[in-house]
Amino acid sequence: MKPQRSLTTVSQMSIMTIITIAGLRGLPAMAVMGWQSIILYLLPAVVFFVPSALVSAELGATYEGGIYQWGKEGLGKRFGFLAIWMQWIHNVVWYPAQLAFVAAAAASAVGLNRLTDSGVYITTVIIVVFWWAVWLALKGGNLFAKVASAAGLVGTIIPACLLLILGAAWLLTGQHISTTLTHSSPLPTFTNFASFALIVQNVLAFAGMEVNAVHAQQMDHPKRYTRVVGIAFVSALAIFIVPTLILAMVLPRNVNLSDGTVIAFQTMFNTFHIGFMGNVVAFAIVFGAIASIISWISGPSLGLLEAAKDGCLPDYFKKTNANGAQSGILMIMGVLVTLLAMLYIIFPKSVSMVFSLLIGMAVALYVMMYILMFVAAINLRRQHKTGNSGYRAPALYVMAGVGIVACVCAFVMTFVPAAGQTGIPTSLYPVITGLVVAALAIPSVALFHIAHGKSDHHGKQEQRGT
């Protein structure tokens, strides 16, 4: 989709990028690491965020259409389709994790904190809210997406600012600092691989640069996109690190990852005798999280629809309704999200573990897409098909190489449970992760062959007819 207006300045692109990657949902998982969270944020930012931003900017300056077009041009139609499939299916896995956060925050907002550990409650909220979002998407148009986008800002930026103010007040008034922060080391315990595995979550936090990088060529001076990356790099680290340390000051180590942010707000508001504000902020966070679901539900599925129209998927995936919405793909998304939500019922006493499990699976799927993107970029630059006009990424081969290594490491670490997570046996965790990732990734190969088998069959029939 082409932008409706030109993004002419570095500041405009920087703000757009920061808004895309900023969020409060994943902070509690890093807060339990205390001072170590600084390094665990910095590493993926350097080895993943910067390379993905610069490489995708060069690809976006040459080809329109996003990851499917980039993969198709650089590696062929089959791999272009695989890339867009991974981008789409990662979103399918991300939705149950995001909606688990919504469910937990909503329960905390009305004082029913015990529900945050109820698998049945979490699953019910996921299914109801997601199918409602599907219904909205089937209505077509972009009104709801615009409203959802604005609501997402309200549900993220305002709470983030409040968190900074509350954190400052907490320090200035001499409140108790949790041992989560005071008893933590500034350096990660690299001998404890489970602790370091939390870095996987941050890869997903810094992902998504390929979405905005396609607009680099719309700038008056595309080469200045490197400045955008620098500004976004520093700003994103500040947005993630400072609020994380504030949460670490307040939260205990055994906090539920799905509602830790709301608990921190409630704790601070209660301390300052304005406890009612905890519910207000909780509802704002819920509203913003739901808004992100509504606004993102159509985007990746539209990319998959384009691949389907290009003959990469069976006819059902091309199905649209009277409003022009991709009804076939949206219905499949609804079914898959419903099935994944059942994990909260299968492991009812492990809500935090399932939450972490889903985040890990989303990362595993998404980094597959990035590996394909980096390889495609290397191939296209080698063939002199990119970097000839508009934005040219500095040291592209090095950037892509570093990005590939980071993605491979992130993929491997998705099979290691995060430190402190209990409920799912450690030996069973990688098995479940591997089975679900395979179950979601492998169908893309079968569907591609089915679509091309039918295409070849029709082609032979036409030749016979002539």
Protein backbone atom coordinates (compact mmCIF):
# COMPACT_ATOMS: atom_id res chain seq x y z
CA MET A 1 0.00 0.00 0.00
CA LYS A 2 1.43 3.35 -0.94
CA PRO A 3 1.52 6.02 1.74
CA GLN A 4 -1.14 8.70 1.48
CA ARG A 5 1.35 11.49 2.05
CA SER A 6 5.07 11.98 1.73
CA LEU A 7 7.13 11.44 4.86
CA THR A 8 9.54 14.26 4.22
CA THR A 9 11.46 14.59 7.45
CA VAL A 10 13.67 12.50 9.67
CA SER A 11 11.50 13.35 12.68
CA GLN A 12 8.32 12.08 11.03
CA MET A 13 9.91 8.77 10.13
CA SER A 14 11.50 8.48 13.57
CA ILE A 15 8.20 9.00 15.38
CA MET A 16 6.46 6.53 13.08
CA THR A 17 9.13 3.91 13.79
CA ILE A 18 9.13 4.45 17.56
CA ILE A 19 5.35 4.13 17.77
CA THR A 20 5.48 0.88 15.82
CA ILE A 21 7.90 -0.89 18.17
CA ALA A 22 7.02 0.70 21.54
CA GLY A 23 4.79 -1.22 23.95
CA LEU A 24 4.26 -2.12 27.59
CA ARG A 25 3.09 -5.72 27.28
CA GLY A 26 6.46 -7.44 27.47
CA LEU A 27 8.07 -5.31 30.19
CA PRO A 28 7.32 -7.53 33.23
CA ALA A 29 9.27 -10.47 31.80
CA MET A 30 12.35 -8.26 31.58
CA ALA A 31 11.68 -6.44 34.85
CA VAL A 32 12.29 -9.64 36.82
CA MET A 33 15.86 -9.54 35.49
CA GLY A 34 16.54 -6.17 37.15
CA TRP A 35 19.69 -4.42 35.96
CA GLN A 36 20.45 -7.29 33.61
CA SER A 37 17.56 -6.15 31.43
CA ILE A 38 19.73 -3.29 30.09
CA ILE A 39 22.14 -5.68 28.38
CA LEU A 40 19.33 -7.99 27.32
CA TYR A 41 17.68 -5.06 25.53
CA LEU A 42 20.90 -3.70 24.08
CA LEU A 43 22.07 -6.94 22.45
CA PRO A 44 19.05 -7.52 20.16
CA ALA A 45 18.90 -3.81 19.39
CA VAL A 46 22.47 -3.84 18.05
CA VAL A 47 22.54 -7.20 16.28
CA PHE A 48 18.94 -7.32 15.04
CA PHE A 49 17.16 -3.95 15.09
CA VAL A 50 19.85 -1.99 13.25
CA PRO A 51 20.52 -4.60 10.53
CA SER A 52 16.82 -5.23 9.87
CA ALA A 53 16.11 -1.50 9.67
CA LEU A 54 18.94 -0.68 7.26
CA VAL A 55 18.50 -3.73 5.01
CA SER A 56 14.73 -3.41 4.73
CA ALA A 57 15.12 0.29 3.94
CA GLU A 58 17.25 -0.53 0.88
CA LEU A 59 14.80 -3.19 -0.28
CA GLY A 60 11.88 -0.84 0.26
CA ALA A 61 13.61 1.88 -1.74
CA THR A 62 13.77 -0.45 -4.76
CA TYR A 63 10.65 -2.61 -4.60
CA GLU A 64 7.12 -1.88 -3.47
CA GLY A 65 4.91 -4.59 -2.02
CA GLY A 66 6.81 -5.53 1.13
CA ILE A 67 8.37 -8.82 2.13
CA TYR A 68 6.60 -10.98 -0.46
CA GLN A 69 7.91 -8.89 -3.33
CA TRP A 70 11.42 -8.70 -1.83
CA GLY A 71 11.62 -12.44 -1.35
CA LYS A 72 10.17 -13.12 -4.78
CA GLU A 73 12.69 -10.85 -6.52
CA GLY A 74 15.67 -12.08 -4.52
CA LEU A 75 14.97 -15.78 -4.05
CA GLY A 76 12.06 -16.69 -6.30
CA LYS A 77 8.32 -17.00 -5.90
CA ARG A 78 8.43 -20.02 -3.58
CA PHE A 79 10.63 -18.29 -1.00
CA GLY A 80 8.80 -15.00 -1.36
CA PHE A 81 5.63 -16.82 -0.40
CA LEU A 82 7.37 -18.58 2.49
CA ALA A 83 8.50 -15.19 3.81
CA ILE A 84 5.02 -13.64 3.76
CA TRP A 85 3.57 -16.82 5.27
CA MET A 86 5.98 -16.58 8.20
CA GLN A 87 5.12 -12.92 8.71
CA TRP A 88 1.41 -13.75 8.70
CA ILE A 89 1.52 -16.89 10.83
CA HIS A 90 3.72 -15.19 13.44
CA ASN A 91 0.92 -12.67 13.90
CA VAL A 92 -1.54 -15.52 14.38
CA VAL A 93 0.60 -16.81 17.27
CA TRP A 94 1.11 -13.31 18.67
CA TYR A 95 -2.63 -12.63 19.02
CA PRO A 96 -3.27 -15.14 21.86
CA ALA A 97 -0.32 -13.69 23.79
CA GLN A 98 -1.53 -10.11 23.28
CA LEU A 99 -5.09 -11.03 24.22
CA ALA A 100 -3.90 -12.90 27.32
CA PHE A 101 -2.42 -9.57 28.37
CA VAL A 102 -5.81 -7.93 27.65
CA ALA A 103 -7.65 -10.55 29.72
CA ALA A 104 -5.29 -10.25 32.68
CA ALA A 105 -5.35 -6.44 32.62
CA ALA A 106 -9.15 -6.39 32.43
CA ALA A 107 -9.44 -8.79 35.40
CA SER A 108 -7.05 -6.67 37.46
CA ALA A 109 -8.96 -3.52 36.54
CA VAL A 110 -12.15 -4.83 38.14
CA GLY A 111 -10.43 -6.36 41.14
CA LEU A 112 -10.69 -10.00 40.05
CA ASN A 113 -6.97 -10.74 40.15
CA ARG A 114 -7.53 -14.45 40.74
CA LEU A 115 -8.82 -14.73 37.17
CA THR A 116 -5.38 -13.90 35.79
CA ASP A 117 -4.36 -17.48 36.60
CA SER A 118 -7.52 -19.02 35.15
CA GLY A 119 -6.91 -20.78 31.85
CA VAL A 120 -10.64 -20.95 31.09
CA TYR A 121 -11.08 -17.21 31.63
CA ILE A 122 -8.02 -16.31 29.53
CA THR A 123 -9.12 -18.62 26.70
CA THR A 124 -12.68 -17.26 26.72
CA VAL A 125 -11.51 -13.66 26.46
CA ILE A 126 -9.11 -14.50 23.62
CA ILE A 127 -11.79 -16.26 21.59
CA VAL A 128 -14.51 -13.64 22.13
CA VAL A 129 -12.33 -10.57 21.48
CA PHE A 130 -10.51 -12.03 18.49
CA TRP A 131 -13.66 -13.17 16.70
CA TRP A 132 -15.13 -9.75 17.38
CA ALA A 133 -12.05 -8.23 15.74
CA VAL A 134 -12.49 -10.61 12.78
CA TRP A 135 -16.10 -9.45 12.46
CA LEU A 136 -14.93 -5.82 12.37
CA ALA A 137 -12.29 -6.63 9.74
CA LEU A 138 -14.92 -8.36 7.60
CA LYS A 139 -16.84 -5.09 7.50
CA GLY A 140 -14.14 -3.75 5.19
CA GLY A 141 -12.89 -0.18 4.92
CA ASN A 142 -10.23 1.43 7.12
CA LEU A 143 -12.31 3.43 9.60
CA PHE A 144 -11.90 0.92 12.40
CA ALA A 145 -8.19 0.61 11.68
CA LYS A 146 -7.77 4.39 11.99
CA VAL A 147 -9.73 4.51 15.23
CA ALA A 148 -7.81 1.53 16.57
CA SER A 149 -4.48 3.10 15.67
CA ALA A 150 -5.32 6.31 17.53
CA ALA A 151 -6.64 4.33 20.49
CA GLY A 152 -3.44 2.33 20.52
CA LEU A 153 -1.45 5.51 21.04
CA VAL A 154 -3.71 6.51 23.92
CA GLY A 155 -3.34 3.09 25.49
CA THR A 156 0.45 3.06 25.17
CA ILE A 157 1.94 6.58 25.22
CA ILE A 158 -0.12 7.99 28.10
CA PRO A 159 0.44 4.98 30.40
CA ALA A 160 4.16 5.04 29.54
CA CYS A 161 4.40 8.72 30.52
CA LEU A 162 2.48 8.07 33.73
CA LEU A 163 4.85 5.23 34.54
CA LEU A 164 7.82 7.59 34.23
CA ILE A 165 6.17 10.14 36.51
CA LEU A 166 5.22 7.52 39.08
CA GLY A 167 8.70 6.05 38.99
CA ALA A 168 10.26 9.44 39.67
CA ALA A 169 7.82 10.05 42.53
CA TRP A 170 8.60 6.60 43.94
CA LEU A 171 12.29 7.46 44.16
CA LEU A 172 11.84 11.03 45.41
CA THR A 173 9.54 9.96 48.24
CA GLY A 174 11.90 7.20 49.37
CA GLN A 175 9.60 4.24 48.78
CA HIS A 176 10.76 0.64 49.18
CA ILE A 177 12.83 -0.66 46.28
CA SER A 178 12.08 -4.28 45.44
CA THR A 179 14.85 -6.86 45.73
CA THR A 180 14.06 -7.62 42.10
CA LEU A 181 16.22 -4.59 41.33
CA THR A 182 18.52 -4.29 44.35
CA HIS A 183 19.63 -7.94 44.30
CA SER A 184 20.24 -8.11 40.56
CA SER A 185 23.57 -7.99 38.75
CA PRO A 186 24.22 -5.54 35.89
CA LEU A 187 25.60 -8.39 33.78
CA PRO A 188 23.49 -11.36 32.65
CA THR A 189 24.46 -14.73 34.08
CA PHE A 190 25.56 -16.26 30.80
CA THR A 191 26.15 -19.59 32.53
CA ASN A 192 22.39 -19.66 33.14
CA PHE A 193 21.14 -20.14 29.58
CA ALA A 194 17.51 -19.92 30.68
CA SER A 195 18.05 -16.36 31.91
CA PHE A 196 19.71 -15.31 28.69
CA ALA A 197 16.82 -16.87 26.73
CA LEU A 198 14.70 -13.86 27.69
CA ILE A 199 16.52 -12.01 24.92
CA VAL A 200 14.25 -13.85 22.49
CA GLN A 201 11.31 -11.76 23.64
CA ASN A 202 13.23 -8.60 22.82
CA VAL A 203 13.86 -9.73 19.26
CA LEU A 204 10.09 -9.66 18.80
CA ALA A 205 9.94 -6.29 20.57
CA PHE A 206 12.35 -4.78 18.04
CA ALA A 207 10.80 -6.55 15.05
CA GLY A 208 8.59 -4.87 12.47
CA MET A 209 11.07 -2.46 10.91
CA GLU A 210 10.36 -3.92 7.47
CA VAL A 211 6.86 -2.44 7.68
CA ASN A 212 7.98 1.21 7.94
CA ALA A 213 11.25 0.89 6.03
CA VAL A 214 9.32 0.65 2.78
CA HIS A 215 8.60 4.36 3.19
CA ALA A 216 12.28 5.37 3.17
CA GLN A 217 12.13 6.31 -0.51
CA GLN A 218 9.31 8.74 0.26
CA MET A 219 11.68 10.98 2.20
CA ASP A 220 13.12 14.06 0.49
CA HIS A 221 16.57 12.71 1.31
CA PRO A 222 16.38 8.89 1.52
CA LYS A 223 20.02 8.62 2.61
CA ARG A 224 19.04 10.29 5.87
CA TYR A 225 17.15 7.16 6.85
CA THR A 226 20.31 6.12 8.69
CA ARG A 227 19.57 9.01 11.06
CA VAL A 228 16.05 7.64 11.55
CA VAL A 229 17.54 4.32 12.61
CA GLY A 230 19.88 6.07 15.04
CA ILE A 231 17.10 8.12 16.63
CA ALA A 232 14.75 5.16 16.81
CA PHE A 233 17.55 3.01 18.26
CA VAL A 234 18.23 5.37 21.18
CA SER A 235 14.55 6.21 21.74
CA ALA A 236 13.41 2.59 21.70
CA LEU A 237 16.06 1.61 24.23
CA ALA A 238 14.99 4.48 26.50
CA ILE A 239 11.31 3.57 26.16
CA PHE A 240 11.97 -0.06 26.99
CA ILE A 241 14.74 0.19 29.58
CA VAL A 242 13.52 3.01 31.84
CA PRO A 243 9.96 1.67 32.34
CA THR A 244 11.39 -1.84 32.83
CA LEU A 245 13.64 -0.62 35.66
CA ILE A 246 10.67 1.22 37.19
CA LEU A 247 8.68 -2.02 37.19
CA ALA A 248 11.68 -3.81 38.72
CA MET A 249 11.61 -1.30 41.62
CA VAL A 250 8.03 -2.25 42.42
CA LEU A 251 7.35 -5.84 41.35
CA PRO A 252 8.34 -9.07 43.12
CA ARG A 253 10.24 -11.72 41.16
CA ASN A 254 7.30 -14.12 41.05
CA VAL A 255 4.95 -11.72 39.25
CA ASN A 256 2.52 -13.05 36.63
CA LEU A 257 3.99 -11.94 33.31
CA SER A 258 0.60 -11.34 31.69
CA ASP A 259 -0.59 -8.71 34.21
CA GLY A 260 2.64 -7.46 35.77
CA THR A 261 2.35 -3.99 34.21
CA VAL A 262 -1.13 -3.43 35.66
CA ILE A 263 -0.03 -4.71 39.08
CA ALA A 264 2.88 -2.23 39.10
CA PHE A 265 0.54 0.67 38.31
CA GLN A 266 -1.91 -0.39 41.01
CA THR A 267 0.87 -0.74 43.57
CA MET A 268 2.21 2.74 42.90
CA PHE A 269 -1.20 4.40 42.76
CA ASN A 270 -2.20 2.74 46.05
CA THR A 271 1.01 3.95 47.66
CA PHE A 272 0.22 7.52 46.67
CA HIS A 273 -3.42 7.15 47.84
CA ILE A 274 -4.98 7.45 44.39
CA GLY A 275 -5.83 3.81 43.96
CA PHE A 276 -8.80 4.52 41.69
CA MET A 277 -6.33 5.60 38.99
CA GLY A 278 -5.08 2.03 38.81
CA ASN A 279 -8.38 0.94 37.29
CA VAL A 280 -8.39 3.89 34.89
CA VAL A 281 -4.92 3.09 33.57
CA ALA A 282 -5.70 -0.62 33.45
CA PHE A 283 -8.70 0.05 31.23
CA ALA A 284 -6.60 2.38 29.06
CA ILE A 285 -4.00 -0.36 28.60
CA VAL A 286 -6.76 -2.86 27.78
CA PHE A 287 -8.25 -0.44 25.29
CA GLY A 288 -4.88 0.15 23.65
CA ALA A 289 -4.08 -3.55 23.44
CA ILE A 290 -7.45 -4.35 21.85
CA ALA A 291 -6.91 -1.46 19.46
CA SER A 292 -3.61 -2.97 18.33
CA ILE A 293 -5.40 -6.24 17.57
CA ILE A 294 -8.01 -4.46 15.46
CA SER A 295 -5.53 -2.31 13.59
CA TRP A 296 -3.07 -5.16 12.82
CA ILE A 297 -5.51 -7.92 11.97
CA SER A 298 -5.89 -6.89 8.33
CA GLY A 299 -2.33 -5.87 7.44
CA PRO A 300 -0.39 -9.17 7.26
CA SER A 301 -3.45 -10.99 5.91
CA LEU A 302 -3.61 -8.53 3.01
CA GLY A 303 -0.02 -9.44 2.16
CA LEU A 304 -0.96 -13.11 2.17
CA LEU A 305 -3.95 -12.32 -0.04
CA GLU A 306 -1.62 -10.77 -2.62
CA ALA A 307 0.48 -13.95 -2.60
CA ALA A 308 -2.69 -16.00 -3.02
CA LYS A 309 -3.71 -13.91 -6.02
CA ASP A 310 -0.25 -14.57 -7.46
CA GLY A 311 -0.99 -18.30 -7.43
CA CYS A 312 0.85 -19.28 -4.23
CA LEU A 313 -2.20 -20.58 -2.37
CA PRO A 314 -5.38 -22.55 -3.12
CA ASP A 315 -8.45 -20.65 -4.24
CA TYR A 316 -10.01 -20.50 -0.76
CA PHE A 317 -7.32 -18.05 0.34
CA LYS A 318 -8.36 -15.69 -2.46
CA LYS A 319 -11.91 -15.53 -1.14
CA THR A 320 -13.25 -12.06 -0.35
CA ASN A 321 -16.68 -10.95 0.80
CA ALA A 322 -19.01 -8.26 -0.55
CA ASN A 323 -17.00 -5.61 1.33
CA GLY A 324 -13.77 -6.70 -0.35
CA ALA A 325 -12.34 -8.09 2.91
CA GLN A 326 -10.16 -11.21 2.78
CA SER A 327 -12.82 -13.43 4.37
CA GLY A 328 -11.15 -16.77 3.64
CA ILE A 329 -7.88 -15.83 5.33
CA LEU A 330 -9.59 -14.13 8.26
CA MET A 331 -11.70 -17.21 8.98
CA ILE A 332 -8.58 -19.39 8.98
CA MET A 333 -6.92 -16.95 11.38
CA GLY A 334 -9.91 -17.18 13.72
CA VAL A 335 -9.74 -20.97 13.81
CA LEU A 336 -5.97 -21.05 14.42
CA VAL A 337 -6.15 -18.44 17.19
CA THR A 338 -8.96 -20.41 18.83
CA LEU A 339 -6.86 -23.59 18.78
CA LEU A 340 -3.79 -21.83 20.19
CA ALA A 341 -5.90 -20.25 22.92
CA MET A 342 -6.72 -23.76 24.12
CA LEU A 343 -3.12 -24.03 25.42
CA TYR A 344 -4.25 -21.95 28.39
CA ILE A 345 -6.84 -24.64 29.21
CA ILE A 346 -4.46 -27.54 28.58
CA PHE A 347 -1.99 -25.96 31.05
CA PRO A 348 -4.39 -24.15 33.42
CA LYS A 349 -1.81 -23.63 36.17
CA SER A 350 0.82 -22.22 33.84
CA VAL A 351 -0.64 -19.03 32.39
CA SER A 352 2.69 -17.20 32.53
CA MET A 353 4.48 -20.16 30.96
CA VAL A 354 1.98 -20.40 28.11
CA PHE A 355 2.30 -16.64 27.62
CA SER A 356 6.10 -17.01 27.36
CA LEU A 357 5.69 -20.09 25.14
CA LEU A 358 3.53 -18.20 22.63
CA ILE A 359 5.96 -15.29 22.52
CA GLY A 360 8.80 -17.72 21.84
CA MET A 361 6.91 -19.44 19.04
CA ALA A 362 6.06 -16.08 17.49
CA VAL A 363 9.76 -15.17 17.51
CA ALA A 364 10.74 -18.52 15.95
CA LEU A 365 8.33 -17.98 13.07
CA TYR A 366 9.17 -14.30 12.57
CA VAL A 367 12.95 -14.75 12.49
CA MET A 368 12.52 -17.29 9.68
CA MET A 369 11.07 -14.47 7.64
CA TYR A 370 13.96 -12.18 8.53
CA ILE A 371 16.53 -14.80 7.54
CA LEU A 372 14.87 -15.01 4.11
CA MET A 373 14.84 -11.21 3.91
CA PHE A 374 18.56 -10.93 4.70
CA VAL A 375 19.49 -13.65 2.21
CA ALA A 376 17.32 -12.03 -0.48
CA ALA A 377 18.99 -8.67 0.18
CA ILE A 378 22.46 -10.18 -0.23
CA ASN A 379 21.45 -11.84 -3.48
CA LEU A 380 19.82 -8.70 -4.89
CA ARG A 381 22.81 -6.49 -4.01
CA ARG A 382 25.16 -9.06 -5.51
CA GLN A 383 23.16 -8.91 -8.74
CA HIS A 384 23.15 -5.08 -8.58
CA LYS A 385 19.35 -5.01 -8.38
CA THR A 386 19.22 -2.86 -5.25
CA GLY A 387 21.18 0.06 -3.85
CA ASN A 388 21.36 1.78 -7.22
CA SER A 389 18.98 4.63 -6.39
CA GLY A 390 17.23 6.01 -3.35
CA TYR A 391 18.49 4.56 -0.09
CA ARG A 392 21.62 2.38 -0.05
CA ALA A 393 22.35 0.55 3.20
CA PRO A 394 25.92 0.91 4.48
CA ALA A 395 27.89 -2.34 4.70
CA LEU A 396 24.85 -4.35 3.62
CA TYR A 397 26.69 -7.69 3.49
CA VAL A 398 27.96 -7.21 7.05
CA MET A 399 24.57 -5.99 8.28
CA ALA A 400 22.77 -8.92 6.66
CA GLY A 401 25.33 -11.39 8.00
CA VAL A 402 25.01 -10.11 11.55
CA GLY A 403 21.23 -10.18 11.21
CA ILE A 404 21.25 -13.80 10.04
CA VAL A 405 23.45 -14.89 12.96
CA ALA A 406 21.18 -13.03 15.41
CA CYS A 407 18.07 -14.64 13.92
CA VAL A 408 19.56 -18.13 14.09
CA CYS A 409 20.52 -17.61 17.74
CA ALA A 410 17.06 -16.25 18.54
CA PHE A 411 15.46 -19.24 16.83
CA VAL A 412 17.51 -21.70 18.88
CA MET A 413 16.74 -19.91 22.14
CA THR A 414 12.98 -20.09 21.55
CA PHE A 415 13.25 -23.75 22.60
CA VAL A 416 14.57 -22.79 26.06
CA PRO A 417 12.04 -21.76 28.73
CA ALA A 418 12.65 -18.39 30.33
CA ALA A 419 14.10 -18.32 33.83
CA GLY A 420 11.59 -18.63 36.64
CA GLN A 421 8.85 -20.20 34.50
CA THR A 422 7.19 -23.28 35.95
CA GLY A 423 4.24 -25.48 35.13
CA ILE A 424 5.33 -27.02 31.84
CA PRO A 425 8.14 -29.56 32.37
CA THR A 426 11.46 -28.23 31.11
CA SER A 427 11.98 -31.33 29.00
CA LEU A 428 8.53 -30.95 27.42
CA TYR A 429 8.82 -27.22 26.69
CA PRO A 430 11.07 -27.50 23.57
CA VAL A 431 8.99 -30.42 22.28
CA ILE A 432 5.77 -28.40 22.46
CA THR A 433 7.47 -25.39 20.90
CA GLY A 434 8.92 -27.44 18.06
CA LEU A 435 5.67 -29.28 17.31
CA VAL A 436 3.58 -26.11 17.19
CA VAL A 437 6.14 -24.19 15.11
CA ALA A 438 6.36 -27.09 12.66
CA ALA A 439 2.57 -27.46 12.55
CA LEU A 440 2.25 -23.78 11.62
CA ALA A 441 5.18 -23.55 9.20
CA ILE A 442 5.00 -26.82 7.23
CA PRO A 443 1.49 -26.29 5.80
CA SER A 444 2.88 -23.42 3.73
CA VAL A 445 4.92 -25.90 1.70
CA ALA A 446 1.93 -28.20 1.14
CA LEU A 447 -0.40 -25.34 0.23
CA PHE A 448 2.12 -23.95 -2.26
CA HIS A 449 2.41 -27.34 -3.97
CA ILE A 450 -1.37 -27.73 -4.07
CA ALA A 451 -1.80 -24.30 -5.65
CA HIS A 452 0.92 -24.92 -8.23
CA GLY A 453 -0.35 -28.42 -8.94
CA LYS A 454 -3.73 -27.00 -9.86
CA SER A 455 -2.07 -24.22 -11.85
CA ASP A 456 -0.01 -26.72 -13.85
CA HIS A 457 -3.09 -28.88 -14.41
CA HIS A 458 -5.12 -25.95 -15.74
CA GLY A 459 -2.19 -24.91 -17.93
CA LYS A 460 -2.00 -28.36 -19.53
CA GLN A 461 -5.75 -28.38 -20.13
CA GLU A 462 -5.55 -25.01 -21.88
CA GLN A 463 -2.70 -26.25 -24.07
CA ARG A 464 -4.74 -29.29 -25.05
CA GLY A 465 -7.73 -27.11 -25.79
CA THR A 466 -5.74 -24.99 -28.17
